[in-house]
Amino acid sequence: MKIAVLSGKGGTGKTTVTSNFAVNIKNSISIDSDVEEPNLHIFMDMENPTFKPVYTLYPSINKELCTLCGKCGDFCNYNAIIPAKNQVIVFRESCHDCGGCKLVCPNGAITYEKREIGKIFNGRSKYDTELHYGLLNIGEMSGVKIIDQLKIFTDSDETVTFIDSPPGTSCATVAAVEGTDYAVIVSEPTPFGVSDMKMVVEMLRQMKIPFGLIINKAGLGDNEIYRYCKDENIEILGEIPFDKKIAELYAHGEIFSVSIPKYKDLFNNIYKKIVEGSRSL
């Protein structure tokens, strides 16, 4: 079973929720697909990870074959390849590696070269759970290819996989949650939290992915989130209270259900709700 954990904005508690799931649900796999700023491995204390580079392709122009017809530039929606007066200019960082420019070139003047855009790290945490995360190189425009390769580790149907997703509703978020069995939205009970949550709800409904909500820092804001969930028939899976002790543990990079055992039941019960809810669909 593949469970994505996501939110409308950063800092709402996605990694907090994912890490607590990971240590309480036995034999689970955790994936941090927030490749621009991964931090799940810090809380899980990843031990001796291995890594491999991730490459993307970009076009290379054979000047002897190129007639500057302009078809490659007309095709590219990202302006990664632009025919100029005397040559074709390639902005390799903007290339999305779709292969289209080569297909439309009538003279076979385009081939591809590869370059590294980031890395994938693999290993186990100090809690003896399997963990994978990606890291996008500084200056790169898109981490979707890294996320796609990370999701290879979700292919097993015999284990449950928790995917710590990028915040918001960007292309990276869509790539992370696509093909998952269930999504857990994490939101704060504040006007900003509800506003950003609505975008995620709309995205998940368009993608036809079932979902529920965990309210983090419950008691901090107002009742708007409860009214919204009632009006939209959104299940509240559980609540994490606005608690100074939890905040202190988080600040020290610790997983609060390990230090405060009563919260183990919270995450186990939420997981049971998810499994039961997915079976009823």
Protein backbone atom coordinates (compact mmCIF):
# COMPACT_ATOMS: atom_id res chain seq x y z
CA MET A 1 0.00 0.00 0.00
CA LYS A 2 1.33 3.43 -0.95
CA ILE A 3 0.40 6.33 1.33
CA ALA A 4 1.38 9.90 0.43
CA VAL A 5 1.69 12.54 3.15
CA LEU A 6 1.26 16.07 1.85
CA SER A 7 0.19 19.58 2.74
CA GLY A 8 -0.70 22.89 1.15
CA LYS A 9 2.49 24.59 2.33
CA GLY A 10 5.77 23.84 4.02
CA GLY A 11 6.15 23.62 7.78
CA THR A 12 2.77 22.09 8.59
CA GLY A 13 4.13 18.75 9.80
CA LYS A 14 4.48 16.39 6.82
CA THR A 15 7.83 15.05 7.96
CA THR A 16 6.63 14.87 11.56
CA VAL A 17 3.72 12.67 10.50
CA THR A 18 5.75 10.55 8.07
CA SER A 19 8.50 9.83 10.60
CA ASN A 20 5.98 8.85 13.28
CA PHE A 21 4.24 6.51 10.85
CA ALA A 22 7.59 5.00 9.88
CA VAL A 23 8.66 4.06 13.40
CA ASN A 24 5.25 2.71 14.43
CA ILE A 25 4.15 0.74 11.36
CA LYS A 26 6.40 -2.30 11.25
CA ASN A 27 8.26 -3.31 8.07
CA SER A 28 7.30 -0.07 6.33
CA ILE A 29 9.37 1.83 3.78
CA SER A 30 9.80 5.60 3.93
CA ILE A 31 10.55 7.85 0.97
CA ASP A 32 11.33 11.56 1.15
CA SER A 33 10.36 12.96 -2.25
CA ASP A 34 10.78 16.61 -1.21
CA VAL A 35 14.02 16.56 -3.19
CA GLU A 36 14.66 20.29 -2.95
CA GLU A 37 14.85 20.14 0.83
CA PRO A 38 14.76 16.58 2.20
CA ASN A 39 14.89 16.20 5.97
CA LEU A 40 13.23 12.88 6.82
CA HIS A 41 16.64 11.20 7.02
CA ILE A 42 17.66 13.63 9.77
CA PHE A 43 14.80 12.56 12.04
CA MET A 44 15.20 8.90 11.13
CA ASP A 45 18.98 9.11 11.66
CA MET A 46 19.92 7.29 8.47
CA GLU A 47 22.98 5.07 8.91
CA ASN A 48 25.71 4.70 6.26
CA PRO A 49 23.58 5.43 3.19
CA THR A 50 24.62 4.47 -0.30
CA PHE A 51 23.86 6.79 -3.19
CA LYS A 52 23.64 6.89 -6.93
CA PRO A 53 23.52 9.87 -9.31
CA VAL A 54 20.43 10.74 -11.31
CA TYR A 55 20.91 11.96 -14.86
CA THR A 56 18.81 13.79 -17.38
CA LEU A 57 19.38 14.26 -21.11
CA TYR A 58 19.67 17.46 -23.10
CA PRO A 59 19.97 18.07 -26.85
CA SER A 60 23.27 18.42 -28.65
CA ILE A 61 23.27 19.95 -32.13
CA ASN A 62 25.32 18.71 -35.09
CA LYS A 63 26.06 21.99 -36.86
CA GLU A 64 26.94 20.25 -40.11
CA LEU A 65 23.50 18.65 -40.35
CA CYS A 66 21.44 21.51 -38.89
CA THR A 67 19.74 23.78 -41.47
CA LEU A 68 18.29 26.18 -38.86
CA CYS A 69 14.76 25.26 -39.95
CA GLY A 70 13.43 26.19 -36.50
CA LYS A 71 11.17 23.17 -35.99
CA CYS A 72 12.89 22.17 -32.75
CA GLY A 73 12.35 25.62 -31.27
CA ASP A 74 8.73 25.70 -32.37
CA PHE A 75 8.14 22.37 -30.63
CA CYS A 76 9.79 23.14 -27.27
CA ASN A 77 7.34 24.67 -24.78
CA TYR A 78 10.13 25.41 -22.31
CA ASN A 79 12.35 27.46 -24.65
CA ALA A 80 15.21 25.08 -23.92
CA ILE A 81 16.25 25.07 -27.57
CA ILE A 82 16.15 28.27 -29.63
CA PRO A 83 17.26 28.57 -33.29
CA ALA A 84 19.12 31.84 -33.75
CA LYS A 85 20.52 33.44 -36.91
CA ASN A 86 23.72 31.39 -37.09
CA GLN A 87 23.26 28.56 -34.61
CA VAL A 88 20.82 26.72 -32.35
CA ILE A 89 21.19 27.76 -28.72
CA VAL A 90 20.53 25.10 -26.08
CA PHE A 91 19.64 25.99 -22.49
CA ARG A 92 20.32 22.59 -21.01
CA GLU A 93 19.03 23.43 -17.51
CA SER A 94 15.61 24.22 -19.00
CA CYS A 95 15.33 20.95 -20.93
CA HIS A 96 12.66 18.55 -19.62
CA ASP A 97 14.12 15.58 -21.51
CA CYS A 98 10.93 14.84 -23.46
CA GLY A 99 12.73 13.82 -26.67
CA GLY A 100 10.45 15.88 -28.90
CA CYS A 101 13.05 18.08 -30.54
CA LYS A 102 14.86 15.05 -31.90
CA LEU A 103 11.62 13.65 -33.31
CA VAL A 104 10.71 16.82 -35.21
CA CYS A 105 14.20 17.48 -36.59
CA PRO A 106 14.00 16.62 -40.32
CA ASN A 107 17.78 16.25 -40.74
CA GLY A 108 18.77 14.08 -37.76
CA ALA A 109 20.89 16.90 -36.38
CA ILE A 110 19.94 16.34 -32.74
CA THR A 111 21.41 13.77 -30.38
CA TYR A 112 21.43 13.75 -26.59
CA GLU A 113 24.01 14.06 -23.86
CA LYS A 114 23.49 13.40 -20.17
CA ARG A 115 24.21 15.46 -17.09
CA GLU A 116 23.72 14.86 -13.38
CA ILE A 117 20.82 16.67 -11.71
CA GLY A 118 20.94 15.08 -8.26
CA LYS A 119 21.32 11.91 -6.22
CA ILE A 120 19.22 9.22 -4.58
CA PHE A 121 20.28 7.96 -1.14
CA ASN A 122 19.36 4.50 0.13
CA GLY A 123 19.75 2.89 3.53
CA ARG A 124 18.20 2.08 6.86
CA SER A 125 17.38 4.23 9.85
CA LYS A 126 18.46 3.67 13.42
CA TYR A 127 14.91 2.34 13.93
CA ASP A 128 15.76 -0.46 11.46
CA THR A 129 13.37 0.80 8.79
CA GLU A 130 14.09 1.13 5.09
CA LEU A 131 14.58 4.72 3.93
CA HIS A 132 15.18 6.43 0.58
CA TYR A 133 15.47 10.10 -0.31
CA GLY A 134 16.45 12.29 -3.22
CA LEU A 135 18.49 15.47 -3.32
CA LEU A 136 18.27 17.87 -6.25
CA ASN A 137 21.45 19.73 -7.19
CA ILE A 138 21.44 23.45 -6.46
CA GLY A 139 20.24 25.50 -9.41
CA GLU A 140 18.22 22.76 -11.08
CA MET A 141 14.69 23.61 -12.18
CA SER A 142 12.86 20.32 -11.71
CA GLY A 143 13.22 17.29 -9.47
CA VAL A 144 10.47 15.23 -11.13
CA LYS A 145 12.95 12.77 -12.67
CA ILE A 146 14.46 12.09 -9.24
CA ILE A 147 10.99 11.59 -7.76
CA ASP A 148 10.07 9.18 -10.55
CA GLN A 149 13.18 7.10 -9.82
CA LEU A 150 12.51 7.19 -6.08
CA LYS A 151 9.07 5.72 -6.66
CA ILE A 152 10.67 2.52 -7.97
CA PHE A 153 11.00 1.62 -4.29
CA THR A 154 7.20 1.75 -3.88
CA ASP A 155 6.56 -1.07 -6.35
CA SER A 156 6.26 -3.82 -3.73
CA ASP A 157 2.67 -4.75 -2.83
CA GLU A 158 3.84 -6.67 0.24
CA THR A 159 4.87 -3.63 2.29
CA VAL A 160 3.40 -0.26 3.16
CA THR A 161 5.26 2.77 1.83
CA PHE A 162 4.99 6.27 3.26
CA ILE A 163 5.89 9.06 0.84
CA ASP A 164 6.86 12.41 2.36
CA SER A 165 5.73 14.65 -0.51
CA PRO A 166 6.81 18.14 -1.59
CA PRO A 167 4.56 20.93 -0.28
CA GLY A 168 1.84 22.58 -2.34
CA THR A 169 0.42 21.40 -5.65
CA SER A 170 3.39 21.72 -8.00
CA CYS A 171 4.48 19.26 -10.69
CA ALA A 172 6.77 17.66 -8.11
CA THR A 173 3.85 17.06 -5.75
CA VAL A 174 1.74 15.56 -8.51
CA ALA A 175 4.63 13.24 -9.43
CA ALA A 176 5.01 12.16 -5.80
CA VAL A 177 1.34 11.33 -5.16
CA GLU A 178 0.47 9.91 -8.58
CA GLY A 179 -0.35 6.22 -8.31
CA THR A 180 -0.67 6.18 -4.52
CA ASP A 181 -3.50 4.33 -2.81
CA TYR A 182 -4.27 6.97 -0.21
CA ALA A 183 -3.20 10.49 0.73
CA VAL A 184 -2.91 12.00 4.19
CA ILE A 185 -3.22 15.77 4.24
CA VAL A 186 -1.53 17.52 7.15
CA SER A 187 -2.85 20.96 8.02
CA GLU A 188 -2.83 23.47 10.85
CA PRO A 189 -6.18 24.76 12.16
CA THR A 190 -5.52 28.32 11.00
CA PRO A 191 -7.00 30.43 8.17
CA PHE A 192 -3.77 30.10 6.16
CA GLY A 193 -3.66 26.36 6.79
CA VAL A 194 -7.23 25.89 5.57
CA SER A 195 -6.70 28.12 2.52
CA ASP A 196 -3.66 26.13 1.37
CA MET A 197 -5.35 22.84 2.21
CA LYS A 198 -8.20 23.59 -0.19
CA MET A 199 -5.82 23.53 -3.16
CA VAL A 200 -4.55 20.09 -2.13
CA VAL A 201 -8.10 18.78 -1.72
CA GLU A 202 -8.97 19.96 -5.23
CA MET A 203 -5.84 18.35 -6.68
CA LEU A 204 -6.48 14.99 -5.00
CA ARG A 205 -10.10 14.95 -6.11
CA GLN A 206 -9.06 15.62 -9.70
CA MET A 207 -6.53 12.77 -9.43
CA LYS A 208 -9.21 10.54 -7.84
CA ILE A 209 -7.01 9.65 -4.86
CA PRO A 210 -8.88 8.99 -1.59
CA PHE A 211 -7.67 11.08 1.33
CA GLY A 212 -8.15 12.08 4.94
CA LEU A 213 -6.85 14.82 7.21
CA ILE A 214 -4.52 14.97 10.20
CA ILE A 215 -4.78 18.25 12.10
CA ASN A 216 -1.40 19.28 13.48
CA LYS A 217 -1.10 21.79 16.34
CA ALA A 218 -4.74 21.24 17.22
CA GLY A 219 -5.99 23.96 19.54
CA LEU A 220 -3.77 26.63 18.02
CA GLY A 221 -6.24 28.38 15.74
CA ASP A 222 -10.00 28.51 15.24
CA ASN A 223 -12.80 26.15 14.15
CA GLU A 224 -12.75 26.97 10.42
CA ILE A 225 -11.00 23.71 9.51
CA TYR A 226 -13.66 21.65 11.29
CA ARG A 227 -16.47 23.48 9.51
CA TYR A 228 -14.73 23.03 6.16
CA CYS A 229 -14.23 19.29 6.71
CA LYS A 230 -17.87 18.88 7.70
CA ASP A 231 -19.10 20.82 4.65
CA GLU A 232 -16.80 18.89 2.29
CA ASN A 233 -17.30 15.50 3.95
CA ILE A 234 -13.57 15.12 4.68
CA GLU A 235 -12.62 12.56 7.32
CA ILE A 236 -10.44 13.82 10.16
CA LEU A 237 -8.15 10.87 10.82
CA GLY A 238 -6.62 12.28 13.99
CA GLU A 239 -5.24 15.33 15.75
CA ILE A 240 -1.79 16.19 17.10
CA PRO A 241 -2.15 18.74 19.91
CA PHE A 242 -0.38 22.06 20.08
CA ASP A 243 2.06 20.92 22.74
CA LYS A 244 5.30 22.54 23.88
CA LYS A 245 6.90 19.17 24.62
CA ILE A 246 6.25 17.96 21.06
CA ALA A 247 7.79 21.18 19.70
CA GLU A 248 10.87 20.74 21.88
CA LEU A 249 11.38 17.17 20.68
CA TYR A 250 10.99 18.26 17.05
CA ALA A 251 13.55 21.05 17.57
CA HIS A 252 16.03 18.42 18.74
CA GLY A 253 15.34 16.18 15.75
CA GLU A 254 13.50 13.55 17.78
CA ILE A 255 10.35 11.61 16.87
CA PHE A 256 7.80 12.45 19.53
CA SER A 257 5.90 9.14 19.61
CA VAL A 258 9.17 7.42 20.56
CA SER A 259 9.71 9.77 23.49
CA ILE A 260 6.01 10.00 24.44
CA PRO A 261 4.68 6.43 24.06
CA LYS A 262 1.00 7.37 24.36
CA TYR A 263 1.17 8.77 20.81
CA LYS A 264 2.07 5.36 19.38
CA ASP A 265 -1.60 4.44 19.62
CA LEU A 266 -2.56 7.63 17.76
CA PHE A 267 -0.55 6.69 14.66
CA ASN A 268 -1.45 3.01 14.80
CA ASN A 269 -5.14 3.90 14.99
CA ILE A 270 -4.83 6.37 12.11
CA TYR A 271 -3.14 3.69 10.01
CA LYS A 272 -5.97 1.26 10.80
CA LYS A 273 -8.50 3.87 9.66
CA ILE A 274 -6.59 4.31 6.39
CA VAL A 275 -6.48 0.56 5.70
CA GLU A 276 -10.15 0.09 6.57
CA GLY A 277 -11.15 3.11 4.50
CA SER A 278 -9.21 1.96 1.44
CA ARG A 279 -10.74 -1.52 1.63
CA SER A 280 -14.24 -0.05 1.57
CA LEU A 281 -13.62 1.84 -1.69
